[in-house]
Amino acid sequence: MGTDGMKIVKLQAAVAAVALMAGFPALAQDAAEEEVETDWYVYAADDGSECFAISSPTGASYFREGEEVSANTDPPYLTVVYRPAEGAEGQVAYHGGFPFGDEPIEVTVGGEEHELFTEETWAWPANPEADAELISSMRDADEIELSSFSSRDTNVVHTFSLEGFPAAVDEAERRCSGD
């Protein structure tokens, strides 16, 4: 699939993730009823056309000219998307909640560095191989930190817990594989 095709798949996944956010508390409630200890939740379309693991940040800091500031943003979240009919086999998508600047997002997970490339309020790894490397790093870590700059030149740092990440990603993949 070419770069344009990947952007379309990722954009469609992003739109679905935004739609899911309205039902995010219901997903959290379902997990609580099952007494699952996790910071990640799984969404699966009834027809198996789309599945993803999703989480909200556990921390957010905002800096301008080296000083911590407050900021208003839309709700940020991090997802791993599976859309088998379109060849999406574990795509990381980050919605920052604000328009990103032009610089790539610096990702730190388990002592490893990764990059996400931005488009408006969304960011993704460069290609499927980079997705797989990032997901592999996330499986073995406790948290992930994403540091970006807004279009207003505010440095935004979101931290996500990875508690429950491996199980959530495995479940999302399983649900979209037809097993």
N, C-alpha and C. Protein backbone atom coordinates (compact mmCIF):
# COMPACT_ATOMS: atom_id res chain seq x y z
N MET A 1 0.86 -1.17 0.00
CA MET A 1 0.00 0.00 0.00
C MET A 1 0.90 1.23 0.00
N GLY A 2 0.61 2.21 -0.83
CA GLY A 2 1.42 3.42 -0.91
C GLY A 2 1.18 4.35 0.26
N THR A 3 1.97 5.42 0.32
CA THR A 3 1.87 6.39 1.40
C THR A 3 0.48 7.01 1.46
N ASP A 4 -0.09 7.35 0.30
CA ASP A 4 -1.42 7.95 0.29
C ASP A 4 -2.46 6.98 0.83
N GLY A 5 -2.34 5.70 0.46
CA GLY A 5 -3.26 4.69 0.96
C GLY A 5 -3.15 4.53 2.46
N MET A 6 -1.92 4.60 2.99
CA MET A 6 -1.72 4.48 4.44
C MET A 6 -2.37 5.67 5.15
N LYS A 7 -2.23 6.87 4.58
CA LYS A 7 -2.84 8.04 5.19
C LYS A 7 -4.36 7.89 5.24
N ILE A 8 -4.95 7.35 4.18
CA ILE A 8 -6.41 7.17 4.15
C ILE A 8 -6.83 6.17 5.21
N VAL A 9 -6.13 5.05 5.30
CA VAL A 9 -6.46 4.04 6.31
C VAL A 9 -6.32 4.65 7.70
N LYS A 10 -5.23 5.37 7.92
CA LYS A 10 -5.00 5.97 9.23
C LYS A 10 -6.03 7.05 9.52
N LEU A 11 -6.41 7.84 8.54
CA LEU A 11 -7.42 8.86 8.74
C LEU A 11 -8.77 8.22 9.07
N GLN A 12 -9.12 7.13 8.37
CA GLN A 12 -10.38 6.45 8.67
C GLN A 12 -10.35 5.89 10.09
N ALA A 13 -9.22 5.34 10.49
CA ALA A 13 -9.09 4.84 11.86
C ALA A 13 -9.23 5.98 12.86
N ALA A 14 -8.67 7.13 12.51
CA ALA A 14 -8.77 8.29 13.38
C ALA A 14 -10.22 8.73 13.55
N VAL A 15 -10.95 8.77 12.46
CA VAL A 15 -12.36 9.15 12.52
C VAL A 15 -13.14 8.18 13.40
N ALA A 16 -12.88 6.90 13.25
CA ALA A 16 -13.55 5.89 14.08
C ALA A 16 -13.18 6.07 15.55
N ALA A 17 -11.93 6.39 15.82
CA ALA A 17 -11.50 6.59 17.20
C ALA A 17 -12.21 7.79 17.82
N VAL A 18 -12.37 8.86 17.04
CA VAL A 18 -13.09 10.03 17.54
C VAL A 18 -14.53 9.65 17.87
N ALA A 19 -15.16 8.87 17.01
CA ALA A 19 -16.53 8.43 17.27
C ALA A 19 -16.60 7.59 18.53
N LEU A 20 -15.59 6.79 18.76
CA LEU A 20 -15.56 5.94 19.95
C LEU A 20 -15.49 6.76 21.23
N MET A 21 -14.82 7.89 21.19
CA MET A 21 -14.59 8.66 22.41
C MET A 21 -15.90 8.99 23.13
N ALA A 22 -16.97 9.14 22.42
CA ALA A 22 -18.26 9.42 23.06
C ALA A 22 -18.69 8.25 23.94
N GLY A 23 -18.27 7.04 23.59
CA GLY A 23 -18.62 5.86 24.37
C GLY A 23 -17.51 5.38 25.27
N PHE A 24 -16.41 6.13 25.39
CA PHE A 24 -15.27 5.70 26.18
C PHE A 24 -15.63 5.37 27.62
N PRO A 25 -16.43 6.18 28.33
CA PRO A 25 -16.78 5.82 29.71
C PRO A 25 -17.50 4.48 29.80
N ALA A 26 -18.31 4.15 28.82
CA ALA A 26 -19.01 2.87 28.85
C ALA A 26 -18.00 1.73 28.74
N LEU A 27 -16.97 1.89 27.93
CA LEU A 27 -15.93 0.87 27.84
C LEU A 27 -15.22 0.72 29.18
N ALA A 28 -14.93 1.83 29.82
CA ALA A 28 -14.26 1.78 31.12
C ALA A 28 -15.15 1.07 32.13
N GLN A 29 -16.44 1.32 32.09
CA GLN A 29 -17.36 0.66 33.01
C GLN A 29 -17.39 -0.84 32.77
N ASP A 30 -17.41 -1.27 31.51
CA ASP A 30 -17.39 -2.70 31.21
C ASP A 30 -16.15 -3.35 31.80
N ALA A 31 -14.99 -2.70 31.66
CA ALA A 31 -13.75 -3.26 32.19
C ALA A 31 -13.83 -3.34 33.71
N ALA A 32 -14.41 -2.33 34.35
CA ALA A 32 -14.52 -2.33 35.81
C ALA A 32 -15.42 -3.46 36.28
N GLU A 33 -16.50 -3.73 35.56
CA GLU A 33 -17.40 -4.81 35.95
C GLU A 33 -16.72 -6.17 35.87
N GLU A 34 -15.75 -6.32 34.96
CA GLU A 34 -15.03 -7.57 34.82
C GLU A 34 -13.82 -7.62 35.75
N GLU A 35 -13.60 -6.56 36.53
CA GLU A 35 -12.49 -6.45 37.46
C GLU A 35 -11.15 -6.66 36.77
N VAL A 36 -10.98 -6.01 35.64
CA VAL A 36 -9.74 -6.07 34.88
C VAL A 36 -8.89 -4.86 35.28
N GLU A 37 -7.65 -5.10 35.62
CA GLU A 37 -6.73 -4.02 35.98
C GLU A 37 -6.00 -3.58 34.71
N THR A 38 -6.42 -2.48 34.13
CA THR A 38 -5.83 -2.02 32.86
C THR A 38 -6.09 -0.54 32.66
N ASP A 39 -5.23 0.06 31.89
CA ASP A 39 -5.43 1.44 31.46
C ASP A 39 -5.79 1.49 29.98
N TRP A 40 -5.96 0.31 29.37
CA TRP A 40 -6.28 0.20 27.96
C TRP A 40 -7.61 -0.51 27.79
N TYR A 41 -8.35 -0.11 26.77
CA TYR A 41 -9.66 -0.68 26.48
C TYR A 41 -9.69 -1.13 25.03
N VAL A 42 -10.58 -2.06 24.73
CA VAL A 42 -10.68 -2.61 23.38
C VAL A 42 -12.05 -2.29 22.80
N TYR A 43 -12.04 -1.83 21.56
CA TYR A 43 -13.26 -1.63 20.79
C TYR A 43 -13.19 -2.57 19.61
N ALA A 44 -14.30 -3.24 19.33
CA ALA A 44 -14.38 -4.10 18.15
C ALA A 44 -15.74 -3.89 17.48
N ALA A 45 -15.71 -3.57 16.20
CA ALA A 45 -16.96 -3.46 15.45
C ALA A 45 -17.62 -4.83 15.42
N ASP A 46 -18.94 -4.86 15.47
CA ASP A 46 -19.67 -6.13 15.47
C ASP A 46 -19.31 -7.01 14.28
N ASP A 47 -19.03 -6.40 13.14
CA ASP A 47 -18.72 -7.19 11.94
C ASP A 47 -17.23 -7.52 11.81
N GLY A 48 -16.42 -7.12 12.79
CA GLY A 48 -14.99 -7.43 12.75
C GLY A 48 -14.20 -6.62 11.75
N SER A 49 -14.80 -5.56 11.22
CA SER A 49 -14.12 -4.75 10.21
C SER A 49 -13.07 -3.82 10.82
N GLU A 50 -13.21 -3.53 12.10
CA GLU A 50 -12.28 -2.62 12.76
C GLU A 50 -12.23 -2.95 14.24
N CYS A 51 -11.03 -3.00 14.77
CA CYS A 51 -10.82 -3.23 16.19
C CYS A 51 -9.65 -2.36 16.62
N PHE A 52 -9.69 -1.85 17.85
CA PHE A 52 -8.53 -1.14 18.34
C PHE A 52 -8.47 -1.12 19.85
N ALA A 53 -7.24 -1.00 20.32
CA ALA A 53 -6.95 -0.77 21.73
C ALA A 53 -6.77 0.74 21.88
N ILE A 54 -7.26 1.29 22.98
CA ILE A 54 -7.24 2.75 23.15
C ILE A 54 -7.03 3.11 24.61
N SER A 55 -6.34 4.24 24.84
CA SER A 55 -6.09 4.71 26.20
C SER A 55 -6.01 6.23 26.23
N SER A 56 -6.33 6.79 27.38
CA SER A 56 -6.16 8.22 27.65
C SER A 56 -4.86 8.42 28.42
N PRO A 57 -4.29 9.61 28.36
CA PRO A 57 -3.03 9.83 29.07
C PRO A 57 -3.23 9.84 30.59
N THR A 58 -2.18 9.43 31.28
CA THR A 58 -2.16 9.49 32.74
C THR A 58 -1.48 10.77 33.22
N GLY A 59 -0.83 11.48 32.31
CA GLY A 59 -0.18 12.74 32.66
C GLY A 59 -0.09 13.65 31.46
N ALA A 60 -0.16 14.96 31.72
CA ALA A 60 -0.03 15.97 30.67
C ALA A 60 0.67 17.19 31.24
N SER A 61 1.69 17.66 30.54
CA SER A 61 2.42 18.88 30.93
C SER A 61 2.57 19.75 29.69
N TYR A 62 2.55 21.06 29.93
CA TYR A 62 2.62 22.02 28.84
C TYR A 62 3.68 23.06 29.19
N PHE A 63 4.56 23.37 28.23
CA PHE A 63 5.66 24.30 28.48
C PHE A 63 5.76 25.29 27.34
N ARG A 64 6.01 26.55 27.69
CA ARG A 64 6.27 27.58 26.70
C ARG A 64 7.46 28.38 27.19
N GLU A 65 8.49 28.46 26.34
CA GLU A 65 9.74 29.16 26.68
C GLU A 65 10.30 28.66 28.01
N GLY A 66 10.24 27.34 28.22
CA GLY A 66 10.82 26.72 29.40
C GLY A 66 9.97 26.81 30.66
N GLU A 67 8.87 27.50 30.62
CA GLU A 67 7.99 27.66 31.79
C GLU A 67 6.76 26.78 31.63
N GLU A 68 6.35 26.12 32.71
CA GLU A 68 5.14 25.32 32.65
C GLU A 68 3.93 26.25 32.59
N VAL A 69 3.01 25.93 31.68
CA VAL A 69 1.81 26.73 31.48
C VAL A 69 0.60 25.80 31.49
N SER A 70 -0.59 26.37 31.52
CA SER A 70 -1.80 25.56 31.39
C SER A 70 -2.25 25.63 29.94
N ALA A 71 -3.05 24.65 29.55
CA ALA A 71 -3.53 24.62 28.16
C ALA A 71 -4.88 23.95 28.11
N ASN A 72 -5.68 24.37 27.15
CA ASN A 72 -6.97 23.75 26.86
C ASN A 72 -6.82 22.96 25.58
N THR A 73 -7.12 21.67 25.63
CA THR A 73 -7.06 20.84 24.43
C THR A 73 -8.28 19.94 24.39
N ASP A 74 -8.52 19.36 23.25
CA ASP A 74 -9.51 18.28 23.16
C ASP A 74 -8.90 17.06 23.84
N PRO A 75 -9.71 16.06 24.18
CA PRO A 75 -9.16 14.88 24.84
C PRO A 75 -8.14 14.14 23.97
N PRO A 76 -6.91 13.96 24.47
CA PRO A 76 -5.92 13.20 23.73
C PRO A 76 -6.10 11.70 23.99
N TYR A 77 -5.66 10.87 23.06
CA TYR A 77 -5.66 9.43 23.26
C TYR A 77 -4.70 8.76 22.29
N LEU A 78 -4.33 7.54 22.65
CA LEU A 78 -3.41 6.74 21.87
C LEU A 78 -4.11 5.44 21.50
N THR A 79 -4.00 5.01 20.26
CA THR A 79 -4.68 3.81 19.79
C THR A 79 -3.72 2.91 19.00
N VAL A 80 -4.10 1.64 18.93
CA VAL A 80 -3.49 0.69 18.00
C VAL A 80 -4.66 0.08 17.24
N VAL A 81 -4.67 0.28 15.92
CA VAL A 81 -5.83 -0.03 15.08
C VAL A 81 -5.57 -1.26 14.20
N TYR A 82 -6.63 -2.07 14.08
CA TYR A 82 -6.64 -3.22 13.16
C TYR A 82 -7.84 -3.06 12.24
N ARG A 83 -7.59 -3.03 10.92
CA ARG A 83 -8.64 -2.96 9.90
C ARG A 83 -8.24 -3.91 8.79
N PRO A 84 -8.56 -5.20 8.94
CA PRO A 84 -8.05 -6.23 8.04
C PRO A 84 -8.35 -6.00 6.56
N ALA A 85 -9.52 -5.53 6.22
CA ALA A 85 -9.88 -5.35 4.81
C ALA A 85 -9.01 -4.29 4.13
N GLU A 86 -8.40 -3.42 4.92
CA GLU A 86 -7.59 -2.35 4.36
C GLU A 86 -6.10 -2.55 4.62
N GLY A 87 -5.75 -3.71 5.18
CA GLY A 87 -4.35 -4.02 5.41
C GLY A 87 -3.75 -3.37 6.65
N ALA A 88 -4.59 -2.83 7.50
CA ALA A 88 -4.09 -2.21 8.74
C ALA A 88 -3.95 -3.31 9.79
N GLU A 89 -2.71 -3.70 10.06
CA GLU A 89 -2.44 -4.81 10.97
C GLU A 89 -1.65 -4.31 12.17
N GLY A 90 -2.22 -3.39 12.92
CA GLY A 90 -1.55 -2.83 14.09
C GLY A 90 -0.90 -1.50 13.77
N GLN A 91 -1.74 -0.48 13.57
CA GLN A 91 -1.24 0.86 13.30
C GLN A 91 -1.42 1.73 14.54
N VAL A 92 -0.34 2.34 14.96
CA VAL A 92 -0.38 3.26 16.09
C VAL A 92 -0.89 4.60 15.58
N ALA A 93 -1.86 5.18 16.30
CA ALA A 93 -2.37 6.51 15.97
C ALA A 93 -2.51 7.29 17.26
N TYR A 94 -1.97 8.50 17.28
CA TYR A 94 -2.00 9.38 18.45
C TYR A 94 -2.77 10.63 18.10
N HIS A 95 -3.82 10.90 18.88
CA HIS A 95 -4.58 12.14 18.74
C HIS A 95 -4.16 13.03 19.90
N GLY A 96 -3.46 14.11 19.59
CA GLY A 96 -2.93 14.99 20.63
C GLY A 96 -3.96 15.90 21.26
N GLY A 97 -5.05 16.19 20.54
CA GLY A 97 -6.07 17.09 21.07
C GLY A 97 -5.85 18.55 20.70
N PHE A 98 -4.87 18.81 19.85
CA PHE A 98 -4.54 20.17 19.42
C PHE A 98 -3.81 20.08 18.09
N PRO A 99 -3.76 21.16 17.30
CA PRO A 99 -3.01 21.13 16.05
C PRO A 99 -1.50 21.07 16.33
N PHE A 100 -0.83 20.08 15.75
CA PHE A 100 0.61 19.94 15.92
C PHE A 100 1.35 20.94 15.06
N GLY A 101 2.58 21.25 15.49
CA GLY A 101 3.49 22.03 14.67
C GLY A 101 4.07 21.13 13.59
N ASP A 102 5.14 21.58 12.96
CA ASP A 102 5.72 20.85 11.83
C ASP A 102 6.74 19.78 12.23
N GLU A 103 7.18 19.77 13.47
CA GLU A 103 8.22 18.83 13.89
C GLU A 103 7.63 17.47 14.22
N PRO A 104 8.40 16.39 13.98
CA PRO A 104 7.94 15.06 14.40
C PRO A 104 7.82 15.00 15.93
N ILE A 105 7.01 14.09 16.39
CA ILE A 105 6.81 13.88 17.82
C ILE A 105 7.88 12.92 18.32
N GLU A 106 8.52 13.29 19.41
CA GLU A 106 9.51 12.42 20.04
C GLU A 106 8.80 11.48 21.00
N VAL A 107 9.02 10.18 20.81
CA VAL A 107 8.38 9.15 21.63
C VAL A 107 9.47 8.42 22.40
N THR A 108 9.28 8.31 23.71
CA THR A 108 10.20 7.56 24.55
C THR A 108 9.41 6.45 25.22
N VAL A 109 9.88 5.22 25.03
CA VAL A 109 9.22 4.06 25.63
C VAL A 109 10.28 3.02 25.95
N GLY A 110 10.33 2.61 27.21
CA GLY A 110 11.30 1.59 27.61
C GLY A 110 12.73 1.94 27.29
N GLY A 111 13.10 3.21 27.38
CA GLY A 111 14.46 3.64 27.08
C GLY A 111 14.75 3.76 25.59
N GLU A 112 13.79 3.43 24.73
CA GLU A 112 13.97 3.54 23.29
C GLU A 112 13.30 4.80 22.76
N GLU A 113 13.87 5.33 21.69
CA GLU A 113 13.33 6.53 21.05
C GLU A 113 12.67 6.15 19.73
N HIS A 114 11.52 6.76 19.48
CA HIS A 114 10.77 6.56 18.23
C HIS A 114 10.28 7.93 17.78
N GLU A 115 9.75 8.00 16.55
CA GLU A 115 9.18 9.24 16.02
C GLU A 115 7.79 8.97 15.47
N LEU A 116 6.94 9.98 15.63
CA LEU A 116 5.63 9.99 14.96
C LEU A 116 5.60 11.22 14.08
N PHE A 117 4.96 11.08 12.93
CA PHE A 117 4.85 12.19 11.99
C PHE A 117 3.43 12.72 12.04
N THR A 118 3.29 14.03 11.98
CA THR A 118 2.02 14.69 12.27
C THR A 118 1.26 15.11 11.02
N GLU A 119 -0.05 15.20 11.22
CA GLU A 119 -0.96 15.76 10.23
C GLU A 119 -2.15 16.32 11.01
N GLU A 120 -2.19 17.63 11.12
CA GLU A 120 -3.22 18.33 11.90
C GLU A 120 -3.15 17.91 13.37
N THR A 121 -4.17 17.20 13.88
CA THR A 121 -4.20 16.80 15.29
C THR A 121 -3.80 15.34 15.49
N TRP A 122 -3.35 14.68 14.42
CA TRP A 122 -3.02 13.24 14.45
C TRP A 122 -1.55 13.01 14.17
N ALA A 123 -1.04 11.87 14.67
CA ALA A 123 0.35 11.49 14.40
C ALA A 123 0.46 9.97 14.31
N TRP A 124 1.39 9.51 13.44
CA TRP A 124 1.60 8.08 13.20
C TRP A 124 3.07 7.81 12.95
N PRO A 125 3.50 6.55 13.18
CA PRO A 125 4.83 6.15 12.72
C PRO A 125 4.91 6.25 11.19
N ALA A 126 6.12 6.24 10.67
CA ALA A 126 6.33 6.46 9.23
C ALA A 126 5.81 5.34 8.35
N ASN A 127 5.81 4.08 8.86
CA ASN A 127 5.46 2.94 8.01
C ASN A 127 5.10 1.74 8.89
N PRO A 128 4.61 0.67 8.31
CA PRO A 128 4.22 -0.51 9.11
C PRO A 128 5.37 -1.09 9.95
N GLU A 129 6.58 -1.02 9.44
CA GLU A 129 7.72 -1.53 10.21
C GLU A 129 7.93 -0.69 11.47
N ALA A 130 7.80 0.63 11.34
CA ALA A 130 7.94 1.51 12.51
C ALA A 130 6.80 1.28 13.49
N ASP A 131 5.58 1.01 12.98
CA ASP A 131 4.45 0.64 13.86
C ASP A 131 4.81 -0.59 14.68
N ALA A 132 5.30 -1.63 14.00
CA ALA A 132 5.63 -2.89 14.67
C ALA A 132 6.73 -2.70 15.72
N GLU A 133 7.75 -1.90 15.40
CA GLU A 133 8.82 -1.64 16.36
C GLU A 133 8.29 -0.91 17.59
N LEU A 134 7.43 0.08 17.38
CA LEU A 134 6.87 0.83 18.50
C LEU A 134 5.99 -0.06 19.37
N ILE A 135 5.13 -0.85 18.74
CA ILE A 135 4.26 -1.76 19.50
C ILE A 135 5.09 -2.75 20.30
N SER A 136 6.14 -3.27 19.72
CA SER A 136 7.03 -4.20 20.42
C SER A 136 7.65 -3.53 21.65
N SER A 137 8.11 -2.30 21.50
CA SER A 137 8.67 -1.56 22.63
C SER A 137 7.61 -1.33 23.72
N MET A 138 6.39 -1.01 23.30
CA MET A 138 5.31 -0.74 24.25
C MET A 138 4.93 -1.98 25.05
N ARG A 139 5.05 -3.15 24.45
CA ARG A 139 4.71 -4.40 25.13
C ARG A 139 5.60 -4.65 26.36
N ASP A 140 6.84 -4.15 26.30
CA ASP A 140 7.82 -4.43 27.35
C ASP A 140 8.04 -3.27 28.31
N ALA A 141 7.22 -2.25 28.25
CA ALA A 141 7.45 -1.05 29.07
C ALA A 141 6.26 -0.77 29.97
N ASP A 142 6.48 0.12 30.93
CA ASP A 142 5.43 0.53 31.86
C ASP A 142 4.69 1.78 31.42
N GLU A 143 5.39 2.64 30.66
CA GLU A 143 4.74 3.86 30.18
C GLU A 143 5.41 4.34 28.91
N ILE A 144 4.69 5.23 28.24
CA ILE A 144 5.18 5.85 27.01
C ILE A 144 5.00 7.35 27.15
N GLU A 145 6.00 8.10 26.69
CA GLU A 145 5.94 9.56 26.75
C GLU A 145 6.03 10.11 25.33
N LEU A 146 5.11 11.01 25.00
CA LEU A 146 5.09 11.64 23.69
C LEU A 146 5.29 13.14 23.89
N SER A 147 6.34 13.68 23.29
CA SER A 147 6.66 15.10 23.42
C SER A 147 6.54 15.75 22.05
N SER A 148 5.66 16.74 21.97
CA SER A 148 5.39 17.40 20.69
C SER A 148 5.30 18.90 20.89
N PHE A 149 5.21 19.60 19.77
CA PHE A 149 4.99 21.04 19.81
C PHE A 149 3.70 21.37 19.10
N SER A 150 2.93 22.25 19.71
CA SER A 150 1.68 22.68 19.10
C SER A 150 1.97 23.72 18.02
N SER A 151 0.96 24.04 17.26
CA SER A 151 1.12 25.09 16.24
C SER A 151 1.36 26.45 16.89
N ARG A 152 1.11 26.56 18.21
CA ARG A 152 1.37 27.80 18.96
C ARG A 152 2.72 27.74 19.67
N ASP A 153 3.52 26.72 19.34
CA ASP A 153 4.86 26.53 19.87
C ASP A 153 4.88 26.18 21.36
N THR A 154 3.83 25.52 21.82
CA THR A 154 3.81 25.00 23.19
C THR A 154 4.32 23.57 23.15
N ASN A 155 5.27 23.25 24.02
CA ASN A 155 5.76 21.87 24.13
C ASN A 155 4.76 21.10 24.98
N VAL A 156 4.16 20.09 24.40
CA VAL A 156 3.14 19.28 25.07
C VAL A 156 3.74 17.90 25.31
N VAL A 157 3.68 17.45 26.57
CA VAL A 157 4.19 16.13 26.94
C VAL A 157 3.04 15.32 27.52
N HIS A 158 2.67 14.26 26.82
CA HIS A 158 1.64 13.33 27.30
C HIS A 158 2.31 12.02 27.70
N THR A 159 1.91 11.51 28.86
CA THR A 159 2.39 10.22 29.34
C THR A 159 1.20 9.27 29.40
N PHE A 160 1.40 8.06 28.88
CA PHE A 160 0.37 7.03 28.90
C PHE A 160 0.90 5.83 29.66
N SER A 161 0.09 5.29 30.56
CA SER A 161 0.42 4.03 31.21
C SER A 161 0.29 2.92 30.19
N LEU A 162 1.13 1.91 30.30
CA LEU A 162 1.03 0.75 29.42
C LEU A 162 0.52 -0.47 30.18
N GLU A 163 -0.06 -0.25 31.36
CA GLU A 163 -0.64 -1.35 32.12
C GLU A 163 -1.83 -1.91 31.35
N GLY A 164 -1.76 -3.17 31.01
CA GLY A 164 -2.82 -3.83 30.25
C GLY A 164 -2.66 -3.71 28.75
N PHE A 165 -1.63 -3.00 28.28
CA PHE A 165 -1.44 -2.80 26.85
C PHE A 165 -1.29 -4.11 26.07
N PRO A 166 -0.39 -5.02 26.49
CA PRO A 166 -0.23 -6.25 25.69
C PRO A 166 -1.55 -7.02 25.53
N ALA A 167 -2.29 -7.18 26.60
CA ALA A 167 -3.55 -7.93 26.53
C ALA A 167 -4.57 -7.22 25.64
N ALA A 168 -4.64 -5.89 25.73
CA ALA A 168 -5.60 -5.13 24.92
C ALA A 168 -5.26 -5.23 23.44
N VAL A 169 -3.99 -5.09 23.09
CA VAL A 169 -3.58 -5.17 21.69
C VAL A 169 -3.82 -6.57 21.15
N ASP A 170 -3.48 -7.58 21.95
CA ASP A 170 -3.71 -8.97 21.52
C ASP A 170 -5.20 -9.22 21.29
N GLU A 171 -6.04 -8.68 22.17
CA GLU A 171 -7.48 -8.89 22.04
C GLU A 171 -8.03 -8.16 20.81
N ALA A 172 -7.58 -6.94 20.57
CA ALA A 172 -8.03 -6.21 19.38
C ALA A 172 -7.62 -6.96 18.12
N GLU A 173 -6.40 -7.46 18.08
CA GLU A 173 -5.94 -8.21 16.91
C GLU A 173 -6.77 -9.50 16.75
N ARG A 174 -7.01 -10.20 17.84
CA ARG A 174 -7.77 -11.45 17.80
C ARG A 174 -9.18 -11.23 17.28
N ARG A 175 -9.84 -10.18 17.77
CA ARG A 175 -11.21 -9.90 17.36
C ARG A 175 -11.31 -9.58 15.88
N CYS A 176 -10.28 -8.96 15.32
CA CYS A 176 -10.33 -8.62 13.90
C CYS A 176 -9.73 -9.71 13.01
N SER A 177 -9.24 -10.78 13.62
CA SER A 177 -8.68 -11.88 12.81
C SER A 177 -9.73 -12.97 12.56
N GLY A 178 -10.89 -12.83 13.22
CA GLY A 178 -11.96 -13.82 13.04
C GLY A 178 -11.86 -15.01 13.97
N ASP A 179 -10.88 -15.00 14.89
CA ASP A 179 -10.74 -16.11 15.85
C ASP A 179 -11.77 -16.03 16.95
